C-alpha atoms as a PDB file:
ATOM      1  CA  MET A   1     113.674 107.269  81.617  1.00  0.00           C
ATOM      2  CA  ASN A   2     111.861 107.295  84.938  1.00  0.00           C
ATOM      3  CA  TYR A   3     110.534 104.688  87.364  1.00  0.00           C
ATOM      4  CA  LEU A   4     107.243 103.524  88.807  1.00  0.00           C
ATOM      5  CA  VAL A   5     107.704 100.982  91.594  1.00  0.00           C
ATOM      6  CA  LEU A   6     104.815  98.925  92.973  1.00  0.00           C
ATOM      7  CA  MET A   7     105.362  97.398  96.386  1.00  0.00           C
ATOM      8  CA  ARG A   8     102.900  95.015  97.979  1.00  0.00           C
ATOM      9  CA  HIS A   9     102.833  95.244 101.759  1.00  0.00           C
ATOM     10  CA  GLY A  10     104.646  92.607 103.749  1.00  0.00           C
ATOM     11  CA  GLN A  11     102.848  89.764 105.479  1.00  0.00           C
ATOM     12  CA  SER A  12     100.163  90.959 107.900  1.00  0.00           C
ATOM     13  CA  GLN A  13      98.992  89.149 111.000  1.00  0.00           C
ATOM     14  CA  TRP A  14      95.809  88.081 109.220  1.00  0.00           C
ATOM     15  CA  ASN A  15      97.816  86.873 106.199  1.00  0.00           C
ATOM     16  CA  LEU A  16      99.645  84.690 108.686  1.00  0.00           C
ATOM     17  CA  GLU A  17      96.328  83.428 110.054  1.00  0.00           C
ATOM     18  CA  ASN A  18      94.978  82.852 106.500  1.00  0.00           C
ATOM     19  CA  ARG A  19      92.063  85.264 106.944  1.00  0.00           C
ATOM     20  CA  PHE A  20      90.311  87.494 104.419  1.00  0.00           C
ATOM     21  CA  THR A  21      91.607  90.934 105.389  1.00  0.00           C
ATOM     22  CA  GLY A  22      90.180  93.520 102.991  1.00  0.00           C
ATOM     23  CA  PHE A  23      89.521  96.883 104.651  1.00  0.00           C
ATOM     24  CA  HIS A  24      90.353  95.598 108.143  1.00  0.00           C
ATOM     25  CA  ASP A  25      93.292  97.630 109.436  1.00  0.00           C
ATOM     26  CA  ILE A  26      95.618  94.914 110.682  1.00  0.00           C
ATOM     27  CA  ASP A  27      99.342  95.577 111.060  1.00  0.00           C
ATOM     28  CA  LEU A  28     102.374  93.724 109.743  1.00  0.00           C
ATOM     29  CA  SER A  29     103.637  90.522 111.294  1.00  0.00           C
ATOM     30  CA  GLU A  30     107.314  90.224 112.213  1.00  0.00           C
ATOM     31  CA  GLN A  31     107.868  88.445 108.913  1.00  0.00           C
ATOM     32  CA  GLY A  32     106.101  91.311 107.146  1.00  0.00           C
ATOM     33  CA  ARG A  33     108.450  93.836 108.722  1.00  0.00           C
ATOM     34  CA  ALA A  34     111.411  91.741 107.623  1.00  0.00           C
ATOM     35  CA  GLU A  35     110.002  91.639 104.089  1.00  0.00           C
ATOM     36  CA  ALA A  36     109.685  95.433 104.070  1.00  0.00           C
ATOM     37  CA  ARG A  37     113.304  95.792 105.171  1.00  0.00           C
ATOM     38  CA  GLU A  38     114.373  93.407 102.413  1.00  0.00           C
ATOM     39  CA  ALA A  39     112.421  95.448  99.861  1.00  0.00           C
ATOM     40  CA  GLY A  40     114.259  98.544 101.058  1.00  0.00           C
ATOM     41  CA  ARG A  41     117.617  96.820 100.703  1.00  0.00           C
ATOM     42  CA  ARG A  42     116.777  95.818  97.141  1.00  0.00           C
ATOM     43  CA  LEU A  43     115.745  99.374  96.266  1.00  0.00           C
ATOM     44  CA  LYS A  44     118.987 100.704  97.700  1.00  0.00           C
ATOM     45  CA  ALA A  45     121.052  98.162  95.766  1.00  0.00           C
ATOM     46  CA  ALA A  46     119.237  99.135  92.563  1.00  0.00           C
ATOM     47  CA  GLY A  47     119.953 102.828  93.170  1.00  0.00           C
ATOM     48  CA  ILE A  48     116.324 103.872  92.640  1.00  0.00           C
ATOM     49  CA  THR A  49     115.315 107.123  94.341  1.00  0.00           C
ATOM     50  CA  PHE A  50     111.828 108.569  94.532  1.00  0.00           C
ATOM     51  CA  ASP A  51     110.197 111.938  94.077  1.00  0.00           C
ATOM     52  CA  HIS A  52     106.753 110.890  95.349  1.00  0.00           C
ATOM     53  CA  VAL A  53     105.367 108.159  97.594  1.00  0.00           C
ATOM     54  CA  PHE A  54     101.737 106.983  97.649  1.00  0.00           C
ATOM     55  CA  THR A  55     100.226 104.438 100.025  1.00  0.00           C
ATOM     56  CA  SER A  56      96.813 103.290 101.099  1.00  0.00           C
ATOM     57  CA  THR A  57      95.377 104.438 104.416  1.00  0.00           C
ATOM     58  CA  LEU A  58      95.771 100.949 105.928  1.00  0.00           C
ATOM     59  CA  GLN A  59      98.713 100.600 108.291  1.00  0.00           C
ATOM     60  CA  ARG A  60     100.121  97.423 106.776  1.00  0.00           C
ATOM     61  CA  ALA A  61     100.743  99.386 103.553  1.00  0.00           C
ATOM     62  CA  TYR A  62     102.097 102.630 104.971  1.00  0.00           C
ATOM     63  CA  HIS A  63     104.252 100.852 107.540  1.00  0.00           C
ATOM     64  CA  THR A  64     105.757  98.835 104.671  1.00  0.00           C
ATOM     65  CA  ALA A  65     106.585 102.096 102.898  1.00  0.00           C
ATOM     66  CA  GLU A  66     108.016 103.599 106.078  1.00  0.00           C
ATOM     67  CA  ILE A  67     110.280 100.623 106.791  1.00  0.00           C
ATOM     68  CA  ALA A  68     111.432 100.200 103.187  1.00  0.00           C
ATOM     69  CA  LEU A  69     112.186 103.904 102.726  1.00  0.00           C
ATOM     70  CA  LYS A  70     114.189 104.012 105.922  1.00  0.00           C
ATOM     71  CA  GLU A  71     116.128 100.918 104.852  1.00  0.00           C
ATOM     72  CA  CYS A  72     117.003 102.388 101.448  1.00  0.00           C
ATOM     73  CA  GLY A  73     118.139 105.714 102.885  1.00  0.00           C
ATOM     74  CA  GLN A  74     115.082 107.719 101.847  1.00  0.00           C
ATOM     75  CA  GLY A  75     113.235 107.781 105.162  1.00  0.00           C
ATOM     76  CA  HIS A  76     112.744 111.541 104.904  1.00  0.00           C
ATOM     77  CA  LEU A  77     110.178 110.964 102.133  1.00  0.00           C
ATOM     78  CA  PHE A  78     107.736 109.176 104.411  1.00  0.00           C
ATOM     79  CA  ALA A  79     106.547 112.359 106.121  1.00  0.00           C
ATOM     80  CA  GLY A  80     105.286 113.632 102.773  1.00  0.00           C
ATOM     81  CA  ALA A  81     103.810 110.341 101.585  1.00  0.00           C
ATOM     82  CA  ILE A  82     100.232 110.658 100.331  1.00  0.00           C
ATOM     83  CA  ARG A  83      97.799 108.153 101.844  1.00  0.00           C
ATOM     84  CA  HIS A  84      94.465 107.596 100.139  1.00  0.00           C
ATOM     85  CA  ASP A  85      91.472 105.278 100.588  1.00  0.00           C
ATOM     86  CA  ASP A  86      91.324 104.585  96.850  1.00  0.00           C
ATOM     87  CA  LEU A  87      94.516 102.524  97.153  1.00  0.00           C
ATOM     88  CA  ARG A  88      93.105 100.247  99.847  1.00  0.00           C
ATOM     89  CA  GLU A  89      92.751  96.504  99.460  1.00  0.00           C
ATOM     90  CA  ARG A  90      89.601  95.070  97.931  1.00  0.00           C
ATOM     91  CA  ASP A  91      86.665  95.017 100.337  1.00  0.00           C
ATOM     92  CA  TYR A  92      85.786  91.386 101.013  1.00  0.00           C
ATOM     93  CA  GLY A  93      82.523  92.340 102.699  1.00  0.00           C
ATOM     94  CA  ASP A  94      80.983  89.521 104.732  1.00  0.00           C
ATOM     95  CA  LEU A  95      84.075  87.361 104.212  1.00  0.00           C
ATOM     96  CA  THR A  96      86.312  89.797 106.113  1.00  0.00           C
ATOM     97  CA  GLY A  97      87.952  88.106 109.070  1.00  0.00           C
ATOM     98  CA  LEU A  98      86.959  84.594 108.038  1.00  0.00           C
ATOM     99  CA  ASN A  99      89.577  81.883 107.741  1.00  0.00           C
ATOM    100  CA  LYS A 100      89.945  80.982 104.060  1.00  0.00           C
ATOM    101  CA  GLY A 101      90.042  77.251 104.695  1.00  0.00           C
ATOM    102  CA  GLU A 102      86.908  77.332 106.854  1.00  0.00           C
ATOM    103  CA  THR A 103      85.177  79.523 104.268  1.00  0.00           C
ATOM    104  CA  LYS A 104      85.816  76.858 101.606  1.00  0.00           C
ATOM    105  CA  GLU A 105      84.281  74.243 103.882  1.00  0.00           C
ATOM    106  CA  LYS A 106      81.208  76.399 104.460  1.00  0.00           C
ATOM    107  CA  PHE A 107      80.540  77.674 100.922  1.00  0.00           C
ATOM    108  CA  GLY A 108      82.498  75.225  98.769  1.00  0.00           C
ATOM    109  CA  ALA A 109      85.910  75.669  97.174  1.00  0.00           C
ATOM    110  CA  GLU A 110      84.438  76.507  93.759  1.00  0.00           C
ATOM    111  CA  GLN A 111      82.284  79.347  95.092  1.00  0.00           C
ATOM    112  CA  VAL A 112      85.144  80.810  97.122  1.00  0.00           C
ATOM    113  CA  GLN A 113      87.415  80.654  94.074  1.00  0.00           C
ATOM    114  CA  ILE A 114      84.798  82.590  92.067  1.00  0.00           C
ATOM    115  CA  TRP A 115      84.610  85.259  94.763  1.00  0.00           C
ATOM    116  CA  ARG A 116      88.393  85.519  94.952  1.00  0.00           C
ATOM    117  CA  ARG A 117      89.364  85.362  91.295  1.00  0.00           C
ATOM    118  CA  SER A 118      86.433  86.403  89.096  1.00  0.00           C
ATOM    119  CA  TYR A 119      86.949  89.891  87.723  1.00  0.00           C
ATOM    120  CA  ASP A 120      83.359  91.095  88.051  1.00  0.00           C
ATOM    121  CA  VAL A 121      81.769  88.933  90.789  1.00  0.00           C
ATOM    122  CA  GLN A 122      81.364  90.522  94.215  1.00  0.00           C
ATOM    123  CA  PRO A 123      81.605  88.530  97.440  1.00  0.00           C
ATOM    124  CA  PRO A 124      78.589  89.112  99.717  1.00  0.00           C
ATOM    125  CA  GLY A 125      78.641  92.765 100.768  1.00  0.00           C
ATOM    126  CA  GLY A 126      82.015  93.408  99.121  1.00  0.00           C
ATOM    127  CA  GLU A 127      83.758  94.568  95.954  1.00  0.00           C
ATOM    128  CA  SER A 128      84.732  92.787  92.771  1.00  0.00           C
ATOM    129  CA  LEU A 129      88.163  93.460  91.315  1.00  0.00           C
ATOM    130  CA  GLN A 130      86.373  95.391  88.579  1.00  0.00           C
ATOM    131  CA  ASP A 131      84.927  97.676  91.279  1.00  0.00           C
ATOM    132  CA  VAL A 132      88.420  98.253  92.667  1.00  0.00           C
ATOM    133  CA  VAL A 133      89.789  99.127  89.224  1.00  0.00           C
ATOM    134  CA  GLU A 134      87.012 101.271  87.803  1.00  0.00           C
ATOM    135  CA  LYS A 135      85.628 102.986  90.902  1.00  0.00           C
ATOM    136  CA  ARG A 136      88.854 103.619  92.792  1.00  0.00           C
ATOM    137  CA  VAL A 137      92.241 102.794  91.290  1.00  0.00           C
ATOM    138  CA  ARG A 138      91.776 104.049  87.726  1.00  0.00           C
ATOM    139  CA  PRO A 139      90.290 107.460  88.621  1.00  0.00           C
ATOM    140  CA  TYR A 140      92.894 108.056  91.333  1.00  0.00           C
ATOM    141  CA  PHE A 141      95.836 106.918  89.222  1.00  0.00           C
ATOM    142  CA  GLU A 142      94.827 108.983  86.205  1.00  0.00           C
ATOM    143  CA  ASP A 143      94.214 112.101  88.294  1.00  0.00           C
ATOM    144  CA  LYS A 144      97.066 112.009  90.805  1.00  0.00           C
ATOM    145  CA  ILE A 145      99.820 109.650  89.654  1.00  0.00           C
ATOM    146  CA  ARG A 146      99.984 109.524  85.862  1.00  0.00           C
ATOM    147  CA  PRO A 147     100.696 113.289  85.526  1.00  0.00           C
ATOM    148  CA  LEU A 148     103.769 112.851  87.754  1.00  0.00           C
ATOM    149  CA  LEU A 149     105.008 109.954  85.635  1.00  0.00           C
ATOM    150  CA  MET A 150     104.409 111.901  82.432  1.00  0.00           C
ATOM    151  CA  ARG A 151     106.693 114.689  83.613  1.00  0.00           C
ATOM    152  CA  GLY A 152     109.450 112.195  84.387  1.00  0.00           C
ATOM    153  CA  ASP A 153     109.197 111.822  88.166  1.00  0.00           C
ATOM    154  CA  ASN A 154     109.916 108.580  90.035  1.00  0.00           C
ATOM    155  CA  VAL A 155     106.953 107.217  92.003  1.00  0.00           C
ATOM    156  CA  LEU A 156     106.588 104.525  94.665  1.00  0.00           C
ATOM    157  CA  ILE A 157     103.166 103.011  95.382  1.00  0.00           C
ATOM    158  CA  ALA A 158     102.968 100.843  98.510  1.00  0.00           C
ATOM    159  CA  ALA A 159      99.597  99.156  98.607  1.00  0.00           C
ATOM    160  CA  HIS A 160      97.878  95.763  98.411  1.00  0.00           C
ATOM    161  CA  GLY A 161      97.653  92.741  96.160  1.00  0.00           C
ATOM    162  CA  ASN A 162      94.349  93.698  94.554  1.00  0.00           C
ATOM    163  CA  SER A 163      94.811  97.456  94.322  1.00  0.00           C
ATOM    164  CA  LEU A 164      98.226  96.900  92.719  1.00  0.00           C
ATOM    165  CA  ARG A 165      96.734  94.361  90.325  1.00  0.00           C
ATOM    166  CA  GLY A 166      94.336  97.150  89.467  1.00  0.00           C
ATOM    167  CA  VAL A 167      97.292  99.393  88.648  1.00  0.00           C
ATOM    168  CA  LEU A 168      98.579  96.719  86.251  1.00  0.00           C
ATOM    169  CA  ILE A 169      95.291  96.885  84.371  1.00  0.00           C
ATOM    170  CA  VAL A 170      95.304 100.692  84.320  1.00  0.00           C
ATOM    171  CA  LEU A 171      98.863 100.655  82.972  1.00  0.00           C
ATOM    172  CA  GLY A 172      97.710  98.330  80.199  1.00  0.00           C
ATOM    173  CA  VAL A 173     100.250  95.602  80.990  1.00  0.00           C
ATOM    174  CA  GLU A 174      97.500  93.192  82.083  1.00  0.00           C
ATOM    175  CA  THR A 175      93.852  92.779  81.125  1.00  0.00           C
ATOM    176  CA  PRO A 176      90.802  91.429  82.989  1.00  0.00           C
ATOM    177  CA  GLU A 177      91.476  88.153  81.164  1.00  0.00           C
ATOM    178  CA  THR A 178      95.149  87.867  82.198  1.00  0.00           C
ATOM    179  CA  ILE A 179      95.122  89.443  85.650  1.00  0.00           C
ATOM    180  CA  ASN A 180      94.672  86.137  87.506  1.00  0.00           C
ATOM    181  CA  GLN A 181      98.171  85.119  86.445  1.00  0.00           C
ATOM    182  CA  ALA A 182      99.639  88.353  87.808  1.00  0.00           C
ATOM    183  CA  GLU A 183     100.467  87.523  91.400  1.00  0.00           C
ATOM    184  CA  ILE A 184     102.546  90.199  93.114  1.00  0.00           C
ATOM    185  CA  PRO A 185     104.741  88.674  95.840  1.00  0.00           C
ATOM    186  CA  THR A 186     105.520  90.441  99.084  1.00  0.00           C
ATOM    187  CA  GLY A 187     109.042  91.790  99.557  1.00  0.00           C
ATOM    188  CA  SER A 188     109.816  92.048  95.822  1.00  0.00           C
ATOM    189  CA  PRO A 189     109.366  95.563  94.433  1.00  0.00           C
ATOM    190  CA  LEU A 190     107.965  95.528  90.896  1.00  0.00           C
ATOM    191  CA  VAL A 191     109.800  98.096  88.774  1.00  0.00           C
ATOM    192  CA  PHE A 192     108.498  99.741  85.615  1.00  0.00           C
ATOM    193  CA  GLU A 193     110.912 101.685  83.471  1.00  0.00           C
ATOM    194  CA  LEU A 194     108.991 104.396  81.626  1.00  0.00           C
ATOM    195  CA  GLU A 195     109.727 106.614  78.675  1.00  0.00           C
ATOM    196  CA  ASP A 196     107.288 109.414  77.822  1.00  0.00           C
ATOM    197  CA  GLY A 197     104.810 107.734  80.140  1.00  0.00           C
ATOM    198  CA  LYS A 198     104.953 104.401  78.325  1.00  0.00           C
ATOM    199  CA  VAL A 199     106.168 101.167  79.899  1.00  0.00           C
ATOM    200  CA  ARG A 200     109.418 100.040  78.279  1.00  0.00           C
ATOM    201  CA  ARG A 201     110.389  97.333  80.746  1.00  0.00           C
ATOM    202  CA  ARG A 202     109.149  95.697  83.932  1.00  0.00           C
ATOM    203  CA  TYR A 203     110.926  93.416  86.378  1.00  0.00           C
ATOM    204  CA  TYR A 204     111.111  92.423  90.025  1.00  0.00           C
ATOM    205  CA  LEU A 205     114.018  93.478  92.193  1.00  0.00           C
ATOM    206  CA  GLU A 206     115.532  90.283  93.478  1.00  0.00           C
ATOM    207  CA  ASP A 207     118.670  89.298  95.343  1.00  0.00           C
END
């Protein structure tokens, strides 16, 4: 048995301000750093060690990995962590930087909900979740990550809510029809136990 662990970055400053963040490279808030430390403590308590670490190129993701790895006694792995654009958050296009509440007032709550939660509808100038899955996450995962899992290595992916939801679809544990119910909380590593590359169990590490 081997492990794949998905870790959503801790709270960013724009999460705190309730803004659409997307590709904007904003760092963690103090709460986000505390969440990353807590994730590291949970990994240490679970006794999970990693062979490979992948993160997006956005600092809120790779700083989460750095903090969590240090906290769980595996800080030496961060220097070799692979950062890639394909693991970035969904691009919210023209919505980037806008306050979510104000955006609802401007465009209507129903329209904003469609942009946020429809699988194949793009916000103005941005990506749909389908774009994230099929143009970025699936090709990268199949090429770079799945072969490592198939040979029995343990892998950590520190990324974003939407790119990690994309991984759930690629793994086959969620579908475009069920993905809206798959919220990945910050500070709670999602563990997959694998056998011959197949998911046998999944659970969150909690206190």
